[in-house]
Amino acid sequence: MIFFTVKIEEYCAIKYKLMSNGIKVKTKIIRHKGIRNPIAAGGSRNEYYEIYIQPKEIEKANKIIHSQ
């Protein structure tokens, strides 16, 4: 896993950055019924977003994620 968030906006932004730079991504969305996420804005979301990439792309992906 290269990235994890509870915010859909962050998930979409990072996924787009990686894909637009030629990195193939796989994603996993974890939904918890009845559990409110205290980290998300207002504690109203119950979803977690994970982004996975190939191990050989980790260094490149980290540079992309942390660039402005």
N, C-alpha and C. Protein backbone atom coordinates (compact mmCIF):
# COMPACT_ATOMS: atom_id res chain seq x y z
N MET A 1 0.85 -1.17 0.00
CA MET A 1 0.00 0.00 0.00
C MET A 1 0.90 1.24 0.00
N ILE A 2 0.57 2.19 -0.86
CA ILE A 2 1.36 3.41 -0.95
C ILE A 2 0.64 4.59 -0.28
N PHE A 3 -0.69 4.53 -0.17
CA PHE A 3 -1.42 5.66 0.39
C PHE A 3 -2.70 5.18 1.04
N PHE A 4 -3.07 5.83 2.15
CA PHE A 4 -4.27 5.50 2.91
C PHE A 4 -4.90 6.80 3.39
N THR A 5 -6.22 6.92 3.27
CA THR A 5 -6.90 8.12 3.75
C THR A 5 -8.36 7.81 4.08
N VAL A 6 -8.96 8.70 4.82
CA VAL A 6 -10.40 8.61 5.11
C VAL A 6 -11.16 9.69 4.34
N LYS A 7 -10.44 10.51 3.59
CA LYS A 7 -11.06 11.61 2.86
C LYS A 7 -11.10 11.31 1.37
N ILE A 8 -12.30 11.29 0.80
CA ILE A 8 -12.48 10.99 -0.61
C ILE A 8 -11.72 11.98 -1.49
N GLU A 9 -11.64 13.23 -1.07
CA GLU A 9 -10.94 14.25 -1.85
C GLU A 9 -9.45 13.93 -1.99
N GLU A 10 -8.83 13.53 -0.87
CA GLU A 10 -7.41 13.16 -0.90
C GLU A 10 -7.19 11.92 -1.76
N TYR A 11 -8.06 10.94 -1.59
CA TYR A 11 -7.97 9.71 -2.37
C TYR A 11 -8.01 10.01 -3.86
N CYS A 12 -8.98 10.80 -4.30
CA CYS A 12 -9.12 11.12 -5.72
C CYS A 12 -7.91 11.91 -6.24
N ALA A 13 -7.43 12.86 -5.46
CA ALA A 13 -6.30 13.68 -5.88
C ALA A 13 -5.04 12.85 -6.04
N ILE A 14 -4.74 11.99 -5.09
CA ILE A 14 -3.53 11.17 -5.16
C ILE A 14 -3.65 10.13 -6.27
N LYS A 15 -4.80 9.52 -6.39
CA LYS A 15 -5.00 8.53 -7.45
C LYS A 15 -4.79 9.19 -8.82
N TYR A 16 -5.34 10.37 -9.02
CA TYR A 16 -5.19 11.09 -10.29
C TYR A 16 -3.72 11.44 -10.55
N LYS A 17 -3.02 11.93 -9.52
CA LYS A 17 -1.61 12.28 -9.68
C LYS A 17 -0.79 11.07 -10.12
N LEU A 18 -1.02 9.94 -9.49
CA LEU A 18 -0.28 8.74 -9.84
C LEU A 18 -0.60 8.27 -11.25
N MET A 19 -1.88 8.20 -11.56
CA MET A 19 -2.29 7.72 -12.88
C MET A 19 -1.82 8.65 -14.00
N SER A 20 -1.86 9.95 -13.77
CA SER A 20 -1.45 10.90 -14.81
C SER A 20 0.06 10.89 -15.02
N ASN A 21 0.79 10.25 -14.10
CA ASN A 21 2.23 10.10 -14.25
C ASN A 21 2.62 8.68 -14.65
N GLY A 22 1.66 7.93 -15.14
CA GLY A 22 1.93 6.62 -15.70
C GLY A 22 2.03 5.47 -14.73
N ILE A 23 1.60 5.67 -13.50
CA ILE A 23 1.65 4.59 -12.51
C ILE A 23 0.28 3.91 -12.43
N LYS A 24 0.29 2.60 -12.62
CA LYS A 24 -0.95 1.82 -12.52
C LYS A 24 -1.29 1.63 -11.05
N VAL A 25 -2.53 1.90 -10.71
CA VAL A 25 -2.96 1.79 -9.31
C VAL A 25 -4.10 0.79 -9.17
N LYS A 26 -4.15 0.20 -8.01
CA LYS A 26 -5.29 -0.61 -7.59
C LYS A 26 -5.79 0.03 -6.31
N THR A 27 -7.09 0.03 -6.15
CA THR A 27 -7.64 0.66 -4.96
C THR A 27 -8.52 -0.31 -4.19
N LYS A 28 -8.66 0.00 -2.92
CA LYS A 28 -9.53 -0.77 -2.05
C LYS A 28 -10.29 0.23 -1.20
N ILE A 29 -11.61 0.08 -1.19
CA ILE A 29 -12.46 0.94 -0.36
C ILE A 29 -13.09 0.05 0.70
N ILE A 30 -12.86 0.40 1.94
CA ILE A 30 -13.37 -0.38 3.07
C ILE A 30 -14.52 0.39 3.69
N ARG A 31 -15.66 -0.25 3.75
CA ARG A 31 -16.86 0.37 4.33
C ARG A 31 -17.24 -0.37 5.61
N HIS A 32 -17.46 0.41 6.66
CA HIS A 32 -17.87 -0.15 7.94
C HIS A 32 -19.29 0.32 8.23
N LYS A 33 -20.20 -0.61 8.27
CA LYS A 33 -21.59 -0.26 8.55
C LYS A 33 -21.75 0.14 10.01
N GLY A 34 -22.40 1.25 10.23
CA GLY A 34 -22.74 1.67 11.58
C GLY A 34 -21.61 2.27 12.39
N ILE A 35 -20.42 2.31 11.84
CA ILE A 35 -19.28 2.87 12.58
C ILE A 35 -18.95 4.23 11.98
N ARG A 36 -18.93 5.25 12.81
CA ARG A 36 -18.56 6.58 12.34
C ARG A 36 -17.07 6.79 12.51
N ASN A 37 -16.47 7.39 11.53
CA ASN A 37 -15.04 7.62 11.54
C ASN A 37 -14.74 8.96 12.20
N PRO A 38 -14.14 8.98 13.37
CA PRO A 38 -13.88 10.24 14.07
C PRO A 38 -12.81 11.10 13.38
N ILE A 39 -12.02 10.52 12.49
CA ILE A 39 -10.97 11.28 11.81
C ILE A 39 -11.54 12.09 10.65
N ALA A 40 -12.54 11.57 10.00
CA ALA A 40 -13.13 12.26 8.85
C ALA A 40 -13.85 13.52 9.29
N ALA A 41 -14.05 14.41 8.35
CA ALA A 41 -14.71 15.68 8.65
C ALA A 41 -16.06 15.43 9.31
N GLY A 42 -16.23 15.90 10.52
CA GLY A 42 -17.48 15.75 11.23
C GLY A 42 -17.74 14.34 11.73
N GLY A 43 -16.82 13.43 11.49
CA GLY A 43 -17.01 12.06 11.93
C GLY A 43 -18.16 11.35 11.25
N SER A 44 -18.52 11.81 10.03
CA SER A 44 -19.71 11.28 9.39
C SER A 44 -19.43 10.16 8.39
N ARG A 45 -18.20 10.02 7.95
CA ARG A 45 -17.90 9.00 6.95
C ARG A 45 -17.52 7.69 7.61
N ASN A 46 -17.82 6.62 6.92
CA ASN A 46 -17.44 5.31 7.43
C ASN A 46 -16.67 4.53 6.36
N GLU A 47 -15.93 5.24 5.52
CA GLU A 47 -15.16 4.62 4.46
C GLU A 47 -13.67 4.94 4.61
N TYR A 48 -12.86 3.98 4.22
CA TYR A 48 -11.41 4.13 4.22
C TYR A 48 -10.92 3.80 2.82
N TYR A 49 -9.97 4.56 2.32
CA TYR A 49 -9.49 4.39 0.96
C TYR A 49 -8.01 4.02 0.97
N GLU A 50 -7.66 2.96 0.24
CA GLU A 50 -6.29 2.51 0.15
C GLU A 50 -5.89 2.46 -1.32
N ILE A 51 -4.65 2.88 -1.62
CA ILE A 51 -4.12 2.84 -2.98
C ILE A 51 -2.89 1.93 -2.97
N TYR A 52 -2.87 1.00 -3.91
CA TYR A 52 -1.77 0.05 -4.05
C TYR A 52 -1.10 0.24 -5.40
N ILE A 53 0.22 0.02 -5.44
CA ILE A 53 0.98 0.08 -6.68
C ILE A 53 1.99 -1.06 -6.70
N GLN A 54 2.67 -1.21 -7.82
CA GLN A 54 3.72 -2.21 -7.93
C GLN A 54 4.91 -1.80 -7.06
N PRO A 55 5.57 -2.74 -6.40
CA PRO A 55 6.72 -2.40 -5.55
C PRO A 55 7.82 -1.63 -6.29
N LYS A 56 8.02 -1.92 -7.56
CA LYS A 56 9.07 -1.23 -8.31
C LYS A 56 8.76 0.25 -8.55
N GLU A 57 7.52 0.67 -8.32
CA GLU A 57 7.11 2.06 -8.55
C GLU A 57 7.08 2.90 -7.27
N ILE A 58 7.45 2.32 -6.14
CA ILE A 58 7.30 3.01 -4.85
C ILE A 58 8.09 4.32 -4.79
N GLU A 59 9.34 4.30 -5.18
CA GLU A 59 10.15 5.52 -5.10
C GLU A 59 9.58 6.63 -5.98
N LYS A 60 9.21 6.27 -7.20
CA LYS A 60 8.62 7.25 -8.12
C LYS A 60 7.30 7.79 -7.56
N ALA A 61 6.46 6.89 -7.03
CA ALA A 61 5.17 7.30 -6.49
C ALA A 61 5.32 8.23 -5.30
N ASN A 62 6.28 7.96 -4.42
CA ASN A 62 6.50 8.83 -3.27
C ASN A 62 6.89 10.24 -3.70
N LYS A 63 7.72 10.33 -4.72
CA LYS A 63 8.11 11.65 -5.23
C LYS A 63 6.90 12.38 -5.81
N ILE A 64 6.06 11.66 -6.52
CA ILE A 64 4.86 12.26 -7.11
C ILE A 64 3.89 12.71 -6.02
N ILE A 65 3.66 11.86 -5.05
CA ILE A 65 2.71 12.18 -3.97
C ILE A 65 3.15 13.42 -3.19
N HIS A 66 4.43 13.53 -2.94
CA HIS A 66 4.93 14.62 -2.10
C HIS A 66 5.35 15.86 -2.88
N SER A 67 5.18 15.83 -4.20
CA SER A 67 5.48 17.03 -4.99
C SER A 67 4.26 17.94 -4.98
N GLN A 68 4.48 19.19 -5.27
CA GLN A 68 3.36 20.13 -5.27
C GLN A 68 2.75 20.27 -6.58
